Every structure is written in structure tokens, then in C-alpha cells.
Amino acid sequence: MAEKGKMAVDEAGRRGGASTSQRHGPGFYEGIGRRGGESTKHRHGPGFYEEIGRRGGKIGGAAVKAKYGHEFYESIGHKGGQKVKELISKARHHL
């Protein structure tokens, strides 16, 4: 249990993240994530993300495919496409 006047690391992170988001706007984390992803792609090559996707962490990409099937990937692809469509629409309204 945290002592009086101290907070847990997760609470400090949550507060700091909220403060940063409020100060820099909602696209801040998206922007730094994109820049980090591009930097990683540049350092490790274009096949890097494909390879880690295939490995799939502890479960393994093949295991996820076997467990959830083709429809799972179709569903998440559709959700991603809808999100992109929504973001493009918002960006056009802000021009």
C-alpha cells in the first residue's frame, strides 16, 4: 500500500499521460507512435513488422489464425478500415 502523500507508479503514469494529452491534444500520442514506428521500420527494414506479426509473441501468429480463423482477420480489418474512414472524414471537416 502506498504511503500517505505517495502514489503508485500506475497512478502516476495515468495522471502524467492525461496531463500530457490535455496539454498537447488528442493526436499527440498517435503522432509519436507513428514516428516511432517509422524509425523502427527504418532501422530494422520493411519486413520487420511482418516478421513479428508472423511470430505473434507468446501465442504465435499461426496459433491465432488457427484459433480464430479467417473471419477474425476479416472483422478486425473491417474495423480498422472504418476507423481510417472516420479519421479522414474528421480531417476533412477541420480543413
PDB file of N, CA and C in Angstrom:
ATOM      1  N   MET A   1       0.848  -1.188   0.000  1.00  0.00           N
ATOM      2  CA  MET A   1       0.000   0.000   0.000  1.00  0.00           C
ATOM      3  C   MET A   1       0.889   1.245   0.000  1.00  0.00           C
ATOM      4  N   ALA A   2       0.464   2.253  -0.750  1.00  0.00           N
ATOM      5  CA  ALA A   2       1.248   3.489  -0.844  1.00  0.00           C
ATOM      6  C   ALA A   2       1.163   4.282   0.455  1.00  0.00           C
ATOM      7  N   GLU A   3       2.291   4.916   0.781  1.00  0.00           N
ATOM      8  CA  GLU A   3       2.312   5.771   1.971  1.00  0.00           C
ATOM      9  C   GLU A   3       1.537   7.046   1.685  1.00  0.00           C
ATOM     10  N   LYS A   4       1.141   7.721   2.758  1.00  0.00           N
ATOM     11  CA  LYS A   4       0.401   8.967   2.598  1.00  0.00           C
ATOM     12  C   LYS A   4       1.265   9.973   1.829  1.00  0.00           C
ATOM     13  N   GLY A   5       0.679  10.590   0.828  1.00  0.00           N
ATOM     14  CA  GLY A   5       1.403  11.576   0.037  1.00  0.00           C
ATOM     15  C   GLY A   5       2.141  10.970  -1.152  1.00  0.00           C
ATOM     16  N   LYS A   6       2.173   9.649  -1.235  1.00  0.00           N
ATOM     17  CA  LYS A   6       2.828   8.984  -2.367  1.00  0.00           C
ATOM     18  C   LYS A   6       1.758   8.295  -3.194  1.00  0.00           C
ATOM     19  N   MET A   7       2.063   8.070  -4.462  1.00  0.00           N
ATOM     20  CA  MET A   7       1.099   7.358  -5.305  1.00  0.00           C
ATOM     21  C   MET A   7       1.806   6.203  -6.000  1.00  0.00           C
ATOM     22  N   ALA A   8       1.029   5.250  -6.422  1.00  0.00           N
ATOM     23  CA  ALA A   8       1.566   4.087  -7.130  1.00  0.00           C
ATOM     24  C   ALA A   8       2.067   4.511  -8.510  1.00  0.00           C
ATOM     25  N   VAL A   9       2.968   3.739  -9.053  1.00  0.00           N
ATOM     26  CA  VAL A   9       3.550   4.042 -10.360  1.00  0.00           C
ATOM     27  C   VAL A   9       2.466   4.097 -11.436  1.00  0.00           C
ATOM     28  N   ASP A  10       1.510   3.164 -11.392  1.00  0.00           N
ATOM     29  CA  ASP A  10       0.468   3.170 -12.420  1.00  0.00           C
ATOM     30  C   ASP A  10      -0.398   4.432 -12.334  1.00  0.00           C
ATOM     31  N   GLU A  11      -0.672   4.891 -11.131  1.00  0.00           N
ATOM     32  CA  GLU A  11      -1.460   6.116 -10.963  1.00  0.00           C
ATOM     33  C   GLU A  11      -0.671   7.329 -11.461  1.00  0.00           C
ATOM     34  N   ALA A  12       0.617   7.380 -11.158  1.00  0.00           N
ATOM     35  CA  ALA A  12       1.460   8.482 -11.631  1.00  0.00           C
ATOM     36  C   ALA A  12       1.503   8.492 -13.160  1.00  0.00           C
ATOM     37  N   GLY A  13       1.624   7.318 -13.757  1.00  0.00           N
ATOM     38  CA  GLY A  13       1.636   7.223 -15.213  1.00  0.00           C
ATOM     39  C   GLY A  13       0.330   7.670 -15.831  1.00  0.00           C
ATOM     40  N   ARG A  14      -0.765   7.263 -15.223  1.00  0.00           N
ATOM     41  CA  ARG A  14      -2.093   7.638 -15.708  1.00  0.00           C
ATOM     42  C   ARG A  14      -2.279   9.162 -15.642  1.00  0.00           C
ATOM     43  N   ARG A  15      -1.892   9.747 -14.515  1.00  0.00           N
ATOM     44  CA  ARG A  15      -2.015  11.208 -14.368  1.00  0.00           C
ATOM     45  C   ARG A  15      -1.110  11.959 -15.340  1.00  0.00           C
ATOM     46  N   GLY A  16       0.115  11.477 -15.467  1.00  0.00           N
ATOM     47  CA  GLY A  16       1.044  12.122 -16.395  1.00  0.00           C
ATOM     48  C   GLY A  16       0.558  12.023 -17.828  1.00  0.00           C
ATOM     49  N   GLY A  17       0.037  10.865 -18.198  1.00  0.00           N
ATOM     50  CA  GLY A  17      -0.485  10.673 -19.555  1.00  0.00           C
ATOM     51  C   GLY A  17      -1.678  11.574 -19.832  1.00  0.00           C
ATOM     52  N   ALA A  18      -2.562  11.692 -18.855  1.00  0.00           N
ATOM     53  CA  ALA A  18      -3.741  12.552 -19.020  1.00  0.00           C
ATOM     54  C   ALA A  18      -3.323  14.012 -19.146  1.00  0.00           C
ATOM     55  N   SER A  19      -2.349  14.417 -18.331  1.00  0.00           N
ATOM     56  CA  SER A  19      -1.867  15.791 -18.366  1.00  0.00           C
ATOM     57  C   SER A  19      -1.211  16.097 -19.718  1.00  0.00           C
ATOM     58  N   THR A  20      -0.393  15.169 -20.209  1.00  0.00           N
ATOM     59  CA  THR A  20       0.283  15.346 -21.494  1.00  0.00           C
ATOM     60  C   THR A  20      -0.735  15.415 -22.623  1.00  0.00           C
ATOM     61  N   SER A  21      -1.731  14.535 -22.582  1.00  0.00           N
ATOM     62  CA  SER A  21      -2.772  14.525 -23.607  1.00  0.00           C
ATOM     63  C   SER A  21      -3.545  15.838 -23.612  1.00  0.00           C
ATOM     64  N   GLN A  22      -3.859  16.341 -22.435  1.00  0.00           N
ATOM     65  CA  GLN A  22      -4.591  17.602 -22.332  1.00  0.00           C
ATOM     66  C   GLN A  22      -3.744  18.773 -22.853  1.00  0.00           C
ATOM     67  N   ARG A  23      -2.465  18.754 -22.539  1.00  0.00           N
ATOM     68  CA  ARG A  23      -1.571  19.841 -22.931  1.00  0.00           C
ATOM     69  C   ARG A  23      -1.286  19.848 -24.442  1.00  0.00           C
ATOM     70  N   HIS A  24      -1.090  18.648 -25.017  1.00  0.00           N
ATOM     71  CA  HIS A  24      -0.665  18.563 -26.418  1.00  0.00           C
ATOM     72  C   HIS A  24      -1.762  18.167 -27.401  1.00  0.00           C
ATOM     73  N   GLY A  25      -2.923  17.799 -26.904  1.00  0.00           N
ATOM     74  CA  GLY A  25      -4.034  17.441 -27.789  1.00  0.00           C
ATOM     75  C   GLY A  25      -4.125  15.945 -28.041  1.00  0.00           C
ATOM     76  N   PRO A  26      -5.264  15.520 -28.585  1.00  0.00           N
ATOM     77  CA  PRO A  26      -5.537  14.091 -28.738  1.00  0.00           C
ATOM     78  C   PRO A  26      -4.641  13.374 -29.748  1.00  0.00           C
ATOM     79  N   GLY A  27      -4.091  14.084 -30.716  1.00  0.00           N
ATOM     80  CA  GLY A  27      -3.259  13.440 -31.730  1.00  0.00           C
ATOM     81  C   GLY A  27      -1.803  13.274 -31.334  1.00  0.00           C
ATOM     82  N   PHE A  28      -1.433  13.749 -30.160  1.00  0.00           N
ATOM     83  CA  PHE A  28      -0.035  13.730 -29.749  1.00  0.00           C
ATOM     84  C   PHE A  28       0.531  12.321 -29.707  1.00  0.00           C
ATOM     85  N   TYR A  29      -0.143  11.428 -28.988  1.00  0.00           N
ATOM     86  CA  TYR A  29       0.364  10.065 -28.848  1.00  0.00           C
ATOM     87  C   TYR A  29       0.340   9.324 -30.184  1.00  0.00           C
ATOM     88  N   GLU A  30      -0.657   9.611 -30.995  1.00  0.00           N
ATOM     89  CA  GLU A  30      -0.726   9.000 -32.320  1.00  0.00           C
ATOM     90  C   GLU A  30       0.488   9.410 -33.146  1.00  0.00           C
ATOM     91  N   GLY A  31       0.833  10.680 -33.061  1.00  0.00           N
ATOM     92  CA  GLY A  31       1.979  11.193 -33.820  1.00  0.00           C
ATOM     93  C   GLY A  31       3.302  10.598 -33.375  1.00  0.00           C
ATOM     94  N   ILE A  32       3.522  10.527 -32.060  1.00  0.00           N
ATOM     95  CA  ILE A  32       4.800   9.971 -31.603  1.00  0.00           C
ATOM     96  C   ILE A  32       4.849   8.467 -31.854  1.00  0.00           C
ATOM     97  N   GLY A  33       3.702   7.807 -31.813  1.00  0.00           N
ATOM     98  CA  GLY A  33       3.662   6.380 -32.138  1.00  0.00           C
ATOM     99  C   GLY A  33       4.017   6.134 -33.591  1.00  0.00           C
ATOM    100  N   ARG A  34       3.485   6.974 -34.470  1.00  0.00           N
ATOM    101  CA  ARG A  34       3.766   6.838 -35.898  1.00  0.00           C
ATOM    102  C   ARG A  34       5.248   7.083 -36.177  1.00  0.00           C
ATOM    103  N   ARG A  35       5.800   8.140 -35.549  1.00  0.00           N
ATOM    104  CA  ARG A  35       7.229   8.431 -35.756  1.00  0.00           C
ATOM    105  C   ARG A  35       8.102   7.296 -35.230  1.00  0.00           C
ATOM    106  N   GLY A  36       7.721   6.729 -34.088  1.00  0.00           N
ATOM    107  CA  GLY A  36       8.475   5.603 -33.537  1.00  0.00           C
ATOM    108  C   GLY A  36       8.403   4.388 -34.443  1.00  0.00           C
ATOM    109  N   GLY A  37       7.222   4.146 -35.000  1.00  0.00           N
ATOM    110  CA  GLY A  37       7.051   3.024 -35.924  1.00  0.00           C
ATOM    111  C   GLY A  37       7.877   3.186 -37.183  1.00  0.00           C
ATOM    112  N   GLU A  38       7.897   4.401 -37.715  1.00  0.00           N
ATOM    113  CA  GLU A  38       8.702   4.678 -38.913  1.00  0.00           C
ATOM    114  C   GLU A  38      10.189   4.507 -38.617  1.00  0.00           C
ATOM    115  N   SER A  39      10.614   4.967 -37.447  1.00  0.00           N
ATOM    116  CA  SER A  39      12.009   4.843 -37.052  1.00  0.00           C
ATOM    117  C   SER A  39      12.402   3.370 -36.929  1.00  0.00           C
ATOM    118  N   THR A  40      11.535   2.582 -36.323  1.00  0.00           N
ATOM    119  CA  THR A  40      11.795   1.149 -36.178  1.00  0.00           C
ATOM    120  C   THR A  40      11.864   0.489 -37.541  1.00  0.00           C
ATOM    121  N   LYS A  41      10.945   0.839 -38.434  1.00  0.00           N
ATOM    122  CA  LYS A  41      10.945   0.272 -39.786  1.00  0.00           C
ATOM    123  C   LYS A  41      12.236   0.627 -40.513  1.00  0.00           C
ATOM    124  N   HIS A  42      12.687   1.873 -40.316  1.00  0.00           N
ATOM    125  CA  HIS A  42      13.919   2.322 -40.963  1.00  0.00           C
ATOM    126  C   HIS A  42      15.139   1.547 -40.437  1.00  0.00           C
ATOM    127  N   ARG A  43      15.191   1.336 -39.113  1.00  0.00           N
ATOM    128  CA  ARG A  43      16.327   0.633 -38.502  1.00  0.00           C
ATOM    129  C   ARG A  43      16.345  -0.857 -38.821  1.00  0.00           C
ATOM    130  N   HIS A  44      15.161  -1.487 -38.825  1.00  0.00           N
ATOM    131  CA  HIS A  44      15.098  -2.943 -38.938  1.00  0.00           C
ATOM    132  C   HIS A  44      14.657  -3.449 -40.301  1.00  0.00           C
ATOM    133  N   GLY A  45      14.271  -2.545 -41.181  1.00  0.00           N
ATOM    134  CA  GLY A  45      13.859  -2.951 -42.517  1.00  0.00           C
ATOM    135  C   GLY A  45      12.353  -3.131 -42.633  1.00  0.00           C
ATOM    136  N   PRO A  46      11.848  -3.099 -43.868  1.00  0.00           N
ATOM    137  CA  PRO A  46      10.406  -3.142 -44.089  1.00  0.00           C
ATOM    138  C   PRO A  46       9.746  -4.462 -43.685  1.00  0.00           C
ATOM    139  N   GLY A  47      10.497  -5.546 -43.607  1.00  0.00           N
ATOM    140  CA  GLY A  47       9.923  -6.840 -43.246  1.00  0.00           C
ATOM    141  C   GLY A  47       9.825  -7.076 -41.747  1.00  0.00           C
ATOM    142  N   PHE A  48      10.287  -6.120 -40.953  1.00  0.00           N
ATOM    143  CA  PHE A  48      10.329  -6.293 -39.506  1.00  0.00           C
ATOM    144  C   PHE A  48       8.953  -6.551 -38.913  1.00  0.00           C
ATOM    145  N   TYR A  49       7.979  -5.707 -39.246  1.00  0.00           N
ATOM    146  CA  TYR A  49       6.641  -5.857 -38.674  1.00  0.00           C
ATOM    147  C   TYR A  49       5.971  -7.141 -39.178  1.00  0.00           C
ATOM    148  N   GLU A  50       6.240  -7.490 -40.417  1.00  0.00           N
ATOM    149  CA  GLU A  50       5.703  -8.748 -40.957  1.00  0.00           C
ATOM    150  C   GLU A  50       6.232  -9.933 -40.157  1.00  0.00           C
ATOM    151  N   GLU A  51       7.515  -9.899 -39.857  1.00  0.00           N
ATOM    152  CA  GLU A  51       8.136 -10.994 -39.097  1.00  0.00           C
ATOM    153  C   GLU A  51       7.593 -11.091 -37.673  1.00  0.00           C
ATOM    154  N   ILE A  52       7.466  -9.969 -36.977  1.00  0.00           N
ATOM    155  CA  ILE A  52       6.954 -10.056 -35.612  1.00  0.00           C
ATOM    156  C   ILE A  52       5.479 -10.438 -35.612  1.00  0.00           C
ATOM    157  N   GLY A  53       4.758 -10.059 -36.655  1.00  0.00           N
ATOM    158  CA  GLY A  53       3.358 -10.484 -36.773  1.00  0.00           C
ATOM    159  C   GLY A  53       3.261 -11.979 -36.964  1.00  0.00           C
ATOM    160  N   ARG A  54       4.175 -12.522 -37.750  1.00  0.00           N
ATOM    161  CA  ARG A  54       4.182 -13.965 -38.006  1.00  0.00           C
ATOM    162  C   ARG A  54       4.528 -14.713 -36.719  1.00  0.00           C
ATOM    163  N   ARG A  55       5.478 -14.180 -35.971  1.00  0.00           N
ATOM    164  CA  ARG A  55       5.863 -14.833 -34.717  1.00  0.00           C
ATOM    165  C   ARG A  55       4.738 -14.719 -33.688  1.00  0.00           C
ATOM    166  N   GLY A  56       4.101 -13.562 -33.645  1.00  0.00           N
ATOM    167  CA  GLY A  56       2.926 -13.373 -32.811  1.00  0.00           C
ATOM    168  C   GLY A  56       3.152 -13.433 -31.322  1.00  0.00           C
ATOM    169  N   GLY A  57       4.335 -13.141 -30.848  1.00  0.00           N
ATOM    170  CA  GLY A  57       4.567 -13.145 -29.405  1.00  0.00           C
ATOM    171  C   GLY A  57       4.490 -14.541 -28.830  1.00  0.00           C
ATOM    172  N   LYS A  58       3.922 -14.673 -27.650  1.00  0.00           N
ATOM    173  CA  LYS A  58       3.872 -15.955 -26.948  1.00  0.00           C
ATOM    174  C   LYS A  58       2.952 -16.954 -27.629  1.00  0.00           C
ATOM    175  N   ILE A  59       1.840 -16.481 -28.177  1.00  0.00           N
ATOM    176  CA  ILE A  59       0.867 -17.402 -28.768  1.00  0.00           C
ATOM    177  C   ILE A  59       1.333 -17.883 -30.133  1.00  0.00           C
ATOM    178  N   GLY A  60       1.840 -16.999 -30.922  1.00  0.00           N
ATOM    179  CA  GLY A  60       2.256 -17.329 -32.279  1.00  0.00           C
ATOM    180  C   GLY A  60       1.168 -16.945 -33.257  1.00  0.00           C
ATOM    181  N   GLY A  61       1.555 -16.283 -34.342  1.00  0.00           N
ATOM    182  CA  GLY A  61       0.588 -15.838 -35.350  1.00  0.00           C
ATOM    183  C   GLY A  61      -0.207 -16.981 -35.936  1.00  0.00           C
ATOM    184  N   ALA A  62       0.454 -18.121 -36.165  1.00  0.00           N
ATOM    185  CA  ALA A  62      -0.238 -19.287 -36.719  1.00  0.00           C
ATOM    186  C   ALA A  62      -1.281 -19.808 -35.739  1.00  0.00           C
ATOM    187  N   ALA A  63      -0.968 -19.739 -34.445  1.00  0.00           N
ATOM    188  CA  ALA A  63      -1.912 -20.210 -33.430  1.00  0.00           C
ATOM    189  C   ALA A  63      -3.148 -19.324 -33.396  1.00  0.00           C
ATOM    190  N   VAL A  64      -2.958 -18.016 -33.536  1.00  0.00           N
ATOM    191  CA  VAL A  64      -4.093 -17.087 -33.552  1.00  0.00           C
ATOM    192  C   VAL A  64      -4.961 -17.386 -34.766  1.00  0.00           C
ATOM    193  N   LYS A  65      -4.323 -17.598 -35.903  1.00  0.00           N
ATOM    194  CA  LYS A  65      -5.061 -17.903 -37.122  1.00  0.00           C
ATOM    195  C   LYS A  65      -5.846 -19.199 -36.964  1.00  0.00           C
ATOM    196  N   ALA A  66      -5.219 -20.208 -36.374  1.00  0.00           N
ATOM    197  CA  ALA A  66      -5.892 -21.491 -36.172  1.00  0.00           C
ATOM    198  C   ALA A  66      -7.051 -21.361 -35.181  1.00  0.00           C
ATOM    199  N   LYS A  67      -6.861 -20.552 -34.151  1.00  0.00           N
ATOM    200  CA  LYS A  67      -7.890 -20.403 -33.120  1.00  0.00           C
ATOM    201  C   LYS A  67      -9.087 -19.587 -33.603  1.00  0.00           C
ATOM    202  N   TYR A  68      -8.845 -18.456 -34.285  1.00  0.00           N
ATOM    203  CA  TYR A  68      -9.920 -17.538 -34.633  1.00  0.00           C
ATOM    204  C   TYR A  68     -10.376 -17.619 -36.089  1.00  0.00           C
ATOM    205  N   GLY A  69      -9.531 -18.105 -36.961  1.00  0.00           N
ATOM    206  CA  GLY A  69      -9.911 -18.274 -38.358  1.00  0.00           C
ATOM    207  C   GLY A  69      -9.884 -17.012 -39.187  1.00  0.00           C
ATOM    208  N   HIS A  70     -10.222 -17.209 -40.443  1.00  0.00           N
ATOM    209  CA  HIS A  70     -10.199 -16.144 -41.452  1.00  0.00           C
ATOM    210  C   HIS A  70     -11.147 -15.002 -41.102  1.00  0.00           C
ATOM    211  N   GLU A  71     -12.316 -15.318 -40.560  1.00  0.00           N
ATOM    212  CA  GLU A  71     -13.317 -14.293 -40.256  1.00  0.00           C
ATOM    213  C   GLU A  71     -12.814 -13.280 -39.231  1.00  0.00           C
ATOM    214  N   PHE A  72     -11.985 -13.742 -38.299  1.00  0.00           N
ATOM    215  CA  PHE A  72     -11.423 -12.852 -37.286  1.00  0.00           C
ATOM    216  C   PHE A  72     -10.614 -11.739 -37.947  1.00  0.00           C
ATOM    217  N   TYR A  73      -9.721 -12.124 -38.856  1.00  0.00           N
ATOM    218  CA  TYR A  73      -8.894 -11.138 -39.543  1.00  0.00           C
ATOM    219  C   TYR A  73      -9.744 -10.232 -40.433  1.00  0.00           C
ATOM    220  N   GLU A  74     -10.770 -10.791 -41.032  1.00  0.00           N
ATOM    221  CA  GLU A  74     -11.679 -10.012 -41.854  1.00  0.00           C
ATOM    222  C   GLU A  74     -12.372  -8.947 -40.996  1.00  0.00           C
ATOM    223  N   SER A  75     -12.810  -9.355 -39.818  1.00  0.00           N
ATOM    224  CA  SER A  75     -13.503  -8.458 -38.898  1.00  0.00           C
ATOM    225  C   SER A  75     -12.603  -7.323 -38.417  1.00  0.00           C
ATOM    226  N   ILE A  76     -11.397  -7.644 -37.979  1.00  0.00           N
ATOM    227  CA  ILE A  76     -10.520  -6.585 -37.485  1.00  0.00           C
ATOM    228  C   ILE A  76     -10.049  -5.687 -38.622  1.00  0.00           C
ATOM    229  N   GLY A  77      -9.924  -6.244 -39.817  1.00  0.00           N
ATOM    230  CA  GLY A  77      -9.580  -5.421 -40.986  1.00  0.00           C
ATOM    231  C   GLY A  77     -10.681  -4.432 -41.300  1.00  0.00           C
ATOM    232  N   HIS A  78     -11.929  -4.895 -41.197  1.00  0.00           N
ATOM    233  CA  HIS A  78     -13.076  -4.016 -41.443  1.00  0.00           C
ATOM    234  C   HIS A  78     -13.118  -2.904 -40.394  1.00  0.00           C
ATOM    235  N   LYS A  79     -12.905  -3.255 -39.124  1.00  0.00           N
ATOM    236  CA  LYS A  79     -12.909  -2.259 -38.050  1.00  0.00           C
ATOM    237  C   LYS A  79     -11.830  -1.210 -38.289  1.00  0.00           C
ATOM    238  N   GLY A  80     -10.647  -1.671 -38.692  1.00  0.00           N
ATOM    239  CA  GLY A  80      -9.551  -0.741 -38.977  1.00  0.00           C
ATOM    240  C   GLY A  80      -9.887   0.182 -40.131  1.00  0.00           C
ATOM    241  N   GLY A  81     -10.498  -0.372 -41.163  1.00  0.00           N
ATOM    242  CA  GLY A  81     -10.897   0.430 -42.315  1.00  0.00           C
ATOM    243  C   GLY A  81     -11.930   1.474 -41.946  1.00  0.00           C
ATOM    244  N   GLN A  82     -12.879   1.109 -41.092  1.00  0.00           N
ATOM    245  CA  GLN A  82     -13.894   2.057 -40.640  1.00  0.00           C
ATOM    246  C   GLN A  82     -13.263   3.188 -39.833  1.00  0.00           C
ATOM    247  N   LYS A  83     -12.270   2.844 -39.006  1.00  0.00           N
ATOM    248  CA  LYS A  83     -11.584   3.856 -38.204  1.00  0.00           C
ATOM    249  C   LYS A  83     -10.843   4.837 -39.109  1.00  0.00           C
ATOM    250  N   VAL A  84     -10.163   4.329 -40.125  1.00  0.00           N
ATOM    251  CA  VAL A  84      -9.450   5.192 -41.076  1.00  0.00           C
ATOM    252  C   VAL A  84     -10.441   6.106 -41.786  1.00  0.00           C
ATOM    253  N   LYS A  85     -11.569   5.551 -42.214  1.00  0.00           N
ATOM    254  CA  LYS A  85     -12.603   6.340 -42.887  1.00  0.00           C
ATOM    255  C   LYS A  85     -13.097   7.473 -41.980  1.00  0.00           C
ATOM    256  N   GLU A  86     -13.308   7.155 -40.705  1.00  0.00           N
ATOM    257  CA  GLU A  86     -13.757   8.143 -39.728  1.00  0.00           C
ATOM    258  C   GLU A  86     -12.706   9.245 -39.542  1.00  0.00           C
ATOM    259  N   LEU A  87     -11.439   8.862 -39.437  1.00  0.00           N
ATOM    260  CA  LEU A  87     -10.366   9.843 -39.248  1.00  0.00           C
ATOM    261  C   LEU A  87     -10.221  10.760 -40.459  1.00  0.00           C
ATOM    262  N   ILE A  88     -10.354  10.197 -41.647  1.00  0.00           N
ATOM    263  CA  ILE A  88     -10.270  11.002 -42.865  1.00  0.00           C
ATOM    264  C   ILE A  88     -11.419  12.001 -42.914  1.00  0.00           C
ATOM    265  N   SER A  89     -12.605  11.532 -42.554  1.00  0.00           N
ATOM    266  CA  SER A  89     -13.769  12.414 -42.533  1.00  0.00           C
ATOM    267  C   SER A  89     -13.573  13.567 -41.552  1.00  0.00           C
ATOM    268  N   LYS A  90     -13.072  13.267 -40.361  1.00  0.00           N
ATOM    269  CA  LYS A  90     -12.819  14.313 -39.365  1.00  0.00           C
ATOM    270  C   LYS A  90     -11.791  15.305 -39.872  1.00  0.00           C
ATOM    271  N   ALA A  91     -10.736  14.792 -40.519  1.00  0.00           N
ATOM    272  CA  ALA A  91      -9.669  15.670 -41.020  1.00  0.00           C
ATOM    273  C   ALA A  91     -10.216  16.605 -42.096  1.00  0.00           C
ATOM    274  N   ARG A  92     -11.103  16.106 -42.941  1.00  0.00           N
ATOM    275  CA  ARG A  92     -11.670  16.944 -43.999  1.00  0.00           C
ATOM    276  C   ARG A  92     -12.533  18.056 -43.421  1.00  0.00           C
ATOM    277  N   HIS A  93     -13.234  17.771 -42.335  1.00  0.00           N
ATOM    278  CA  HIS A  93     -14.099  18.776 -41.715  1.00  0.00           C
ATOM    279  C   HIS A  93     -13.283  19.865 -41.020  1.00  0.00           C
ATOM    280  N   HIS A  94     -12.048  19.571 -40.666  1.00  0.00           N
ATOM    281  CA  HIS A  94     -11.204  20.550 -39.977  1.00  0.00           C
ATOM    282  C   HIS A  94     -10.428  21.435 -40.941  1.00  0.00           C
ATOM    283  N   LEU A  95     -10.518  21.162 -42.229  1.00  0.00           N
ATOM    284  CA  LEU A  95      -9.771  21.974 -43.221  1.00  0.00           C
ATOM    285  C   LEU A  95     -10.439  23.277 -43.498  1.00  0.00           C
TER     286      LEU A  95
END
